[in-house]
Amino acid sequence: MARKTLSERRADALSELEMAKARLAKLDNEAAERIGRIAIKSGLVNLDLTDDQVREEFDKIVERISKGN
């Protein structure tokens, strides 16, 4: 079998990169769905909070838990 050209190897590498990006996006979406389900079950979505306020509270939770370890 003949060695692939540089162009073919680059195309393969770009394809692998795109597949890795897709896997990362899938993992991010799964994590977001998990957090979303928890937020719904806890009633967080019923509170009148801005996205920034919710983010600040999540940051505080992460900080508190991280300090405990």
PDB file of N, CA and C in Angstrom:
ATOM      1  N   MET A   1       0.847  -1.175   0.000  1.00  0.00           N
ATOM      2  CA  MET A   1       0.000   0.000   0.000  1.00  0.00           C
ATOM      3  C   MET A   1       0.896   1.242   0.000  1.00  0.00           C
ATOM      4  N   ALA A   2       0.565   2.173  -0.830  1.00  0.00           N
ATOM      5  CA  ALA A   2       1.347   3.399  -0.965  1.00  0.00           C
ATOM      6  C   ALA A   2       1.116   4.314   0.234  1.00  0.00           C
ATOM      7  N   ARG A   3       2.157   5.026   0.565  1.00  0.00           N
ATOM      8  CA  ARG A   3       2.070   5.994   1.661  1.00  0.00           C
ATOM      9  C   ARG A   3       1.119   7.119   1.259  1.00  0.00           C
ATOM     10  N   LYS A   4       0.330   7.577   2.238  1.00  0.00           N
ATOM     11  CA  LYS A   4      -0.605   8.671   1.971  1.00  0.00           C
ATOM     12  C   LYS A   4       0.166   9.958   1.744  1.00  0.00           C
ATOM     13  N   THR A   5      -0.405  10.790   0.921  1.00  0.00           N
ATOM     14  CA  THR A   5       0.204  12.096   0.682  1.00  0.00           C
ATOM     15  C   THR A   5      -0.014  12.983   1.901  1.00  0.00           C
ATOM     16  N   LEU A   6       0.744  14.051   1.965  1.00  0.00           N
ATOM     17  CA  LEU A   6       0.579  15.013   3.052  1.00  0.00           C
ATOM     18  C   LEU A   6      -0.852  15.531   3.078  1.00  0.00           C
ATOM     19  N   SER A   7      -1.389  15.804   1.930  1.00  0.00           N
ATOM     20  CA  SER A   7      -2.760  16.307   1.837  1.00  0.00           C
ATOM     21  C   SER A   7      -3.753  15.290   2.406  1.00  0.00           C
ATOM     22  N   GLU A   8      -3.553  14.026   2.108  1.00  0.00           N
ATOM     23  CA  GLU A   8      -4.446  12.979   2.626  1.00  0.00           C
ATOM     24  C   GLU A   8      -4.293  12.834   4.139  1.00  0.00           C
ATOM     25  N   ARG A   9      -3.050  12.878   4.622  1.00  0.00           N
ATOM     26  CA  ARG A   9      -2.822  12.776   6.066  1.00  0.00           C
ATOM     27  C   ARG A   9      -3.425  13.969   6.798  1.00  0.00           C
ATOM     28  N   ARG A  10      -3.310  15.158   6.205  1.00  0.00           N
ATOM     29  CA  ARG A  10      -3.922  16.351   6.806  1.00  0.00           C
ATOM     30  C   ARG A  10      -5.442  16.216   6.835  1.00  0.00           C
ATOM     31  N   ALA A  11      -6.011  15.708   5.752  1.00  0.00           N
ATOM     32  CA  ALA A  11      -7.463  15.518   5.698  1.00  0.00           C
ATOM     33  C   ALA A  11      -7.905  14.524   6.765  1.00  0.00           C
ATOM     34  N   ASP A  12      -7.134  13.450   6.950  1.00  0.00           N
ATOM     35  CA  ASP A  12      -7.447  12.472   7.995  1.00  0.00           C
ATOM     36  C   ASP A  12      -7.380  13.115   9.379  1.00  0.00           C
ATOM     37  N   ALA A  13      -6.337  13.906   9.604  1.00  0.00           N
ATOM     38  CA  ALA A  13      -6.179  14.566  10.901  1.00  0.00           C
ATOM     39  C   ALA A  13      -7.321  15.544  11.163  1.00  0.00           C
ATOM     40  N   LEU A  14      -7.715  16.285  10.145  1.00  0.00           N
ATOM     41  CA  LEU A  14      -8.841  17.218  10.298  1.00  0.00           C
ATOM     42  C   LEU A  14     -10.132  16.472  10.581  1.00  0.00           C
ATOM     43  N   SER A  15     -10.308  15.331   9.946  1.00  0.00           N
ATOM     44  CA  SER A  15     -11.492  14.511  10.184  1.00  0.00           C
ATOM     45  C   SER A  15     -11.514  14.011  11.629  1.00  0.00           C
ATOM     46  N   GLU A  16     -10.358  13.548  12.114  1.00  0.00           N
ATOM     47  CA  GLU A  16     -10.266  13.099  13.503  1.00  0.00           C
ATOM     48  C   GLU A  16     -10.558  14.245  14.461  1.00  0.00           C
ATOM     49  N   LEU A  17     -10.059  15.422  14.139  1.00  0.00           N
ATOM     50  CA  LEU A  17     -10.297  16.598  14.973  1.00  0.00           C
ATOM     51  C   LEU A  17     -11.784  16.931  15.034  1.00  0.00           C
ATOM     52  N   GLU A  18     -12.445  16.885  13.903  1.00  0.00           N
ATOM     53  CA  GLU A  18     -13.885  17.172  13.866  1.00  0.00           C
ATOM     54  C   GLU A  18     -14.669  16.133  14.666  1.00  0.00           C
ATOM     55  N   MET A  19     -14.255  14.866  14.587  1.00  0.00           N
ATOM     56  CA  MET A  19     -14.928  13.821  15.366  1.00  0.00           C
ATOM     57  C   MET A  19     -14.716  14.054  16.859  1.00  0.00           C
ATOM     58  N   ALA A  20     -13.507  14.468  17.246  1.00  0.00           N
ATOM     59  CA  ALA A  20     -13.235  14.755  18.652  1.00  0.00           C
ATOM     60  C   ALA A  20     -14.066  15.942  19.132  1.00  0.00           C
ATOM     61  N   LYS A  21     -14.176  16.974  18.305  1.00  0.00           N
ATOM     62  CA  LYS A  21     -15.007  18.134  18.655  1.00  0.00           C
ATOM     63  C   LYS A  21     -16.461  17.722  18.832  1.00  0.00           C
ATOM     64  N   ALA A  22     -16.942  16.835  17.975  1.00  0.00           N
ATOM     65  CA  ALA A  22     -18.324  16.360  18.078  1.00  0.00           C
ATOM     66  C   ALA A  22     -18.522  15.571  19.367  1.00  0.00           C
ATOM     67  N   ARG A  23     -17.540  14.744  19.737  1.00  0.00           N
ATOM     68  CA  ARG A  23     -17.642  13.989  20.991  1.00  0.00           C
ATOM     69  C   ARG A  23     -17.656  14.932  22.186  1.00  0.00           C
ATOM     70  N   LEU A  24     -16.807  15.959  22.156  1.00  0.00           N
ATOM     71  CA  LEU A  24     -16.786  16.939  23.246  1.00  0.00           C
ATOM     72  C   LEU A  24     -18.109  17.685  23.350  1.00  0.00           C
ATOM     73  N   ALA A  25     -18.673  18.061  22.216  1.00  0.00           N
ATOM     74  CA  ALA A  25     -19.967  18.752  22.212  1.00  0.00           C
ATOM     75  C   ALA A  25     -21.047  17.852  22.788  1.00  0.00           C
ATOM     76  N   LYS A  26     -20.998  16.567  22.454  1.00  0.00           N
ATOM     77  CA  LYS A  26     -21.979  15.612  22.985  1.00  0.00           C
ATOM     78  C   LYS A  26     -21.848  15.504  24.500  1.00  0.00           C
ATOM     79  N   LEU A  27     -20.619  15.430  24.995  1.00  0.00           N
ATOM     80  CA  LEU A  27     -20.404  15.370  26.440  1.00  0.00           C
ATOM     81  C   LEU A  27     -20.912  16.636  27.128  1.00  0.00           C
ATOM     82  N   ASP A  28     -20.648  17.789  26.533  1.00  0.00           N
ATOM     83  CA  ASP A  28     -21.141  19.054  27.090  1.00  0.00           C
ATOM     84  C   ASP A  28     -22.662  19.078  27.128  1.00  0.00           C
ATOM     85  N   ASN A  29     -23.293  18.614  26.057  1.00  0.00           N
ATOM     86  CA  ASN A  29     -24.756  18.588  26.008  1.00  0.00           C
ATOM     87  C   ASN A  29     -25.328  17.647  27.057  1.00  0.00           C
ATOM     88  N   GLU A  30     -24.695  16.489  27.238  1.00  0.00           N
ATOM     89  CA  GLU A  30     -25.171  15.549  28.253  1.00  0.00           C
ATOM     90  C   GLU A  30     -25.060  16.159  29.645  1.00  0.00           C
ATOM     91  N   ALA A  31     -23.957  16.858  29.913  1.00  0.00           N
ATOM     92  CA  ALA A  31     -23.780  17.506  31.213  1.00  0.00           C
ATOM     93  C   ALA A  31     -24.814  18.613  31.405  1.00  0.00           C
ATOM     94  N   ALA A  32     -25.061  19.393  30.363  1.00  0.00           N
ATOM     95  CA  ALA A  32     -26.049  20.476  30.443  1.00  0.00           C
ATOM     96  C   ALA A  32     -27.444  19.921  30.690  1.00  0.00           C
ATOM     97  N   GLU A  33     -27.777  18.827  30.026  1.00  0.00           N
ATOM     98  CA  GLU A  33     -29.089  18.215  30.236  1.00  0.00           C
ATOM     99  C   GLU A  33     -29.226  17.713  31.669  1.00  0.00           C
ATOM    100  N   ARG A  34     -28.154  17.137  32.205  1.00  0.00           N
ATOM    101  CA  ARG A  34     -28.178  16.645  33.589  1.00  0.00           C
ATOM    102  C   ARG A  34     -28.418  17.794  34.559  1.00  0.00           C
ATOM    103  N   ILE A  35     -27.656  18.868  34.409  1.00  0.00           N
ATOM    104  CA  ILE A  35     -27.824  20.031  35.287  1.00  0.00           C
ATOM    105  C   ILE A  35     -29.216  20.633  35.112  1.00  0.00           C
ATOM    106  N   GLY A  36     -29.700  20.669  33.887  1.00  0.00           N
ATOM    107  CA  GLY A  36     -31.039  21.191  33.622  1.00  0.00           C
ATOM    108  C   GLY A  36     -32.117  20.385  34.327  1.00  0.00           C
ATOM    109  N   ARG A  37     -31.991  19.058  34.268  1.00  0.00           N
ATOM    110  CA  ARG A  37     -32.974  18.202  34.952  1.00  0.00           C
ATOM    111  C   ARG A  37     -32.949  18.451  36.458  1.00  0.00           C
ATOM    112  N   ILE A  38     -31.745  18.585  37.012  1.00  0.00           N
ATOM    113  CA  ILE A  38     -31.620  18.856  38.448  1.00  0.00           C
ATOM    114  C   ILE A  38     -32.240  20.211  38.784  1.00  0.00           C
ATOM    115  N   ALA A  39     -32.002  21.214  37.951  1.00  0.00           N
ATOM    116  CA  ALA A  39     -32.562  22.550  38.182  1.00  0.00           C
ATOM    117  C   ALA A  39     -34.084  22.515  38.160  1.00  0.00           C
ATOM    118  N   ILE A  40     -34.643  21.757  37.242  1.00  0.00           N
ATOM    119  CA  ILE A  40     -36.102  21.650  37.157  1.00  0.00           C
ATOM    120  C   ILE A  40     -36.649  20.962  38.398  1.00  0.00           C
ATOM    121  N   LYS A  41     -36.045  19.836  38.777  1.00  0.00           N
ATOM    122  CA  LYS A  41     -36.529  19.081  39.935  1.00  0.00           C
ATOM    123  C   LYS A  41     -36.416  19.874  41.227  1.00  0.00           C
ATOM    124  N   SER A  42     -35.387  20.709  41.337  1.00  0.00           N
ATOM    125  CA  SER A  42     -35.185  21.472  42.570  1.00  0.00           C
ATOM    126  C   SER A  42     -36.034  22.736  42.633  1.00  0.00           C
ATOM    127  N   GLY A  43     -36.667  23.099  41.519  1.00  0.00           N
ATOM    128  CA  GLY A  43     -37.475  24.306  41.487  1.00  0.00           C
ATOM    129  C   GLY A  43     -36.686  25.555  41.126  1.00  0.00           C
ATOM    130  N   LEU A  44     -35.435  25.399  40.775  1.00  0.00           N
ATOM    131  CA  LEU A  44     -34.601  26.544  40.419  1.00  0.00           C
ATOM    132  C   LEU A  44     -35.185  27.331  39.256  1.00  0.00           C
ATOM    133  N   VAL A  45     -35.797  26.640  38.328  1.00  0.00           N
ATOM    134  CA  VAL A  45     -36.342  27.318  37.146  1.00  0.00           C
ATOM    135  C   VAL A  45     -37.536  28.201  37.487  1.00  0.00           C
ATOM    136  N   ASN A  46     -38.130  27.995  38.652  1.00  0.00           N
ATOM    137  CA  ASN A  46     -39.286  28.795  39.050  1.00  0.00           C
ATOM    138  C   ASN A  46     -38.894  30.094  39.758  1.00  0.00           C
ATOM    139  N   LEU A  47     -37.617  30.243  40.067  1.00  0.00           N
ATOM    140  CA  LEU A  47     -37.153  31.456  40.736  1.00  0.00           C
ATOM    141  C   LEU A  47     -36.900  32.539  39.702  1.00  0.00           C
ATOM    142  N   ASP A  48     -37.124  33.762  40.112  1.00  0.00           N
ATOM    143  CA  ASP A  48     -36.923  34.900  39.209  1.00  0.00           C
ATOM    144  C   ASP A  48     -35.469  35.353  39.285  1.00  0.00           C
ATOM    145  N   LEU A  49     -34.589  34.570  38.636  1.00  0.00           N
ATOM    146  CA  LEU A  49     -33.159  34.861  38.649  1.00  0.00           C
ATOM    147  C   LEU A  49     -32.658  35.058  37.227  1.00  0.00           C
ATOM    148  N   THR A  50     -31.707  35.967  37.086  1.00  0.00           N
ATOM    149  CA  THR A  50     -31.077  36.138  35.777  1.00  0.00           C
ATOM    150  C   THR A  50     -30.052  35.017  35.582  1.00  0.00           C
ATOM    151  N   ASP A  51     -29.623  34.842  34.350  1.00  0.00           N
ATOM    152  CA  ASP A  51     -28.585  33.851  34.073  1.00  0.00           C
ATOM    153  C   ASP A  51     -27.318  34.162  34.863  1.00  0.00           C
ATOM    154  N   ASP A  52     -26.992  35.442  34.975  1.00  0.00           N
ATOM    155  CA  ASP A  52     -25.801  35.831  35.737  1.00  0.00           C
ATOM    156  C   ASP A  52     -25.928  35.446  37.210  1.00  0.00           C
ATOM    157  N   GLN A  53     -27.112  35.628  37.776  1.00  0.00           N
ATOM    158  CA  GLN A  53     -27.322  35.261  39.175  1.00  0.00           C
ATOM    159  C   GLN A  53     -27.196  33.753  39.369  1.00  0.00           C
ATOM    160  N   VAL A  54     -27.755  33.002  38.455  1.00  0.00           N
ATOM    161  CA  VAL A  54     -27.654  31.543  38.541  1.00  0.00           C
ATOM    162  C   VAL A  54     -26.192  31.128  38.436  1.00  0.00           C
ATOM    163  N   ARG A  55     -25.473  31.719  37.508  1.00  0.00           N
ATOM    164  CA  ARG A  55     -24.050  31.404  37.336  1.00  0.00           C
ATOM    165  C   ARG A  55     -23.269  31.723  38.603  1.00  0.00           C
ATOM    166  N   GLU A  56     -23.550  32.860  39.219  1.00  0.00           N
ATOM    167  CA  GLU A  56     -22.865  33.228  40.463  1.00  0.00           C
ATOM    168  C   GLU A  56     -23.119  32.192  41.549  1.00  0.00           C
ATOM    169  N   GLU A  57     -24.349  31.724  41.638  1.00  0.00           N
ATOM    170  CA  GLU A  57     -24.676  30.719  42.654  1.00  0.00           C
ATOM    171  C   GLU A  57     -23.961  29.401  42.365  1.00  0.00           C
ATOM    172  N   PHE A  58     -23.909  29.016  41.094  1.00  0.00           N
ATOM    173  CA  PHE A  58     -23.162  27.808  40.735  1.00  0.00           C
ATOM    174  C   PHE A  58     -21.685  27.976  41.092  1.00  0.00           C
ATOM    175  N   ASP A  59     -21.130  29.151  40.821  1.00  0.00           N
ATOM    176  CA  ASP A  59     -19.729  29.419  41.162  1.00  0.00           C
ATOM    177  C   ASP A  59     -19.501  29.272  42.666  1.00  0.00           C
ATOM    178  N   LYS A  60     -20.443  29.773  43.464  1.00  0.00           N
ATOM    179  CA  LYS A  60     -20.329  29.664  44.920  1.00  0.00           C
ATOM    180  C   LYS A  60     -20.375  28.204  45.363  1.00  0.00           C
ATOM    181  N   ILE A  61     -21.244  27.431  44.742  1.00  0.00           N
ATOM    182  CA  ILE A  61     -21.340  26.004  45.072  1.00  0.00           C
ATOM    183  C   ILE A  61     -20.016  25.308  44.773  1.00  0.00           C
ATOM    184  N   VAL A  62     -19.474  25.576  43.593  1.00  0.00           N
ATOM    185  CA  VAL A  62     -18.203  24.954  43.202  1.00  0.00           C
ATOM    186  C   VAL A  62     -17.098  25.350  44.174  1.00  0.00           C
ATOM    187  N   GLU A  63     -17.048  26.626  44.528  1.00  0.00           N
ATOM    188  CA  GLU A  63     -16.023  27.104  45.455  1.00  0.00           C
ATOM    189  C   GLU A  63     -16.164  26.427  46.813  1.00  0.00           C
ATOM    190  N   ARG A  64     -17.391  26.341  47.311  1.00  0.00           N
ATOM    191  CA  ARG A  64     -17.634  25.736  48.620  1.00  0.00           C
ATOM    192  C   ARG A  64     -17.239  24.261  48.624  1.00  0.00           C
ATOM    193  N   ILE A  65     -17.627  23.545  47.587  1.00  0.00           N
ATOM    194  CA  ILE A  65     -17.315  22.117  47.526  1.00  0.00           C
ATOM    195  C   ILE A  65     -15.816  21.899  47.328  1.00  0.00           C
ATOM    196  N   SER A  66     -15.194  22.728  46.513  1.00  0.00           N
ATOM    197  CA  SER A  66     -13.752  22.596  46.260  1.00  0.00           C
ATOM    198  C   SER A  66     -12.942  22.825  47.530  1.00  0.00           C
ATOM    199  N   LYS A  67     -13.364  23.756  48.352  1.00  0.00           N
ATOM    200  CA  LYS A  67     -12.657  24.033  49.607  1.00  0.00           C
ATOM    201  C   LYS A  67     -12.792  22.872  50.578  1.00  0.00           C
ATOM    202  N   GLY A  68     -13.860  22.120  50.459  1.00  0.00           N
ATOM    203  CA  GLY A  68     -14.092  20.988  51.350  1.00  0.00           C
ATOM    204  C   GLY A  68     -13.198  19.805  51.052  1.00  0.00           C
ATOM    205  N   ASN A  69     -12.561  19.803  49.890  1.00  0.00           N
ATOM    206  CA  ASN A  69     -11.716  18.655  49.505  1.00  0.00           C
ATOM    207  C   ASN A  69     -10.293  18.852  49.871  1.00  0.00           C
TER     208      ASN A  69
END
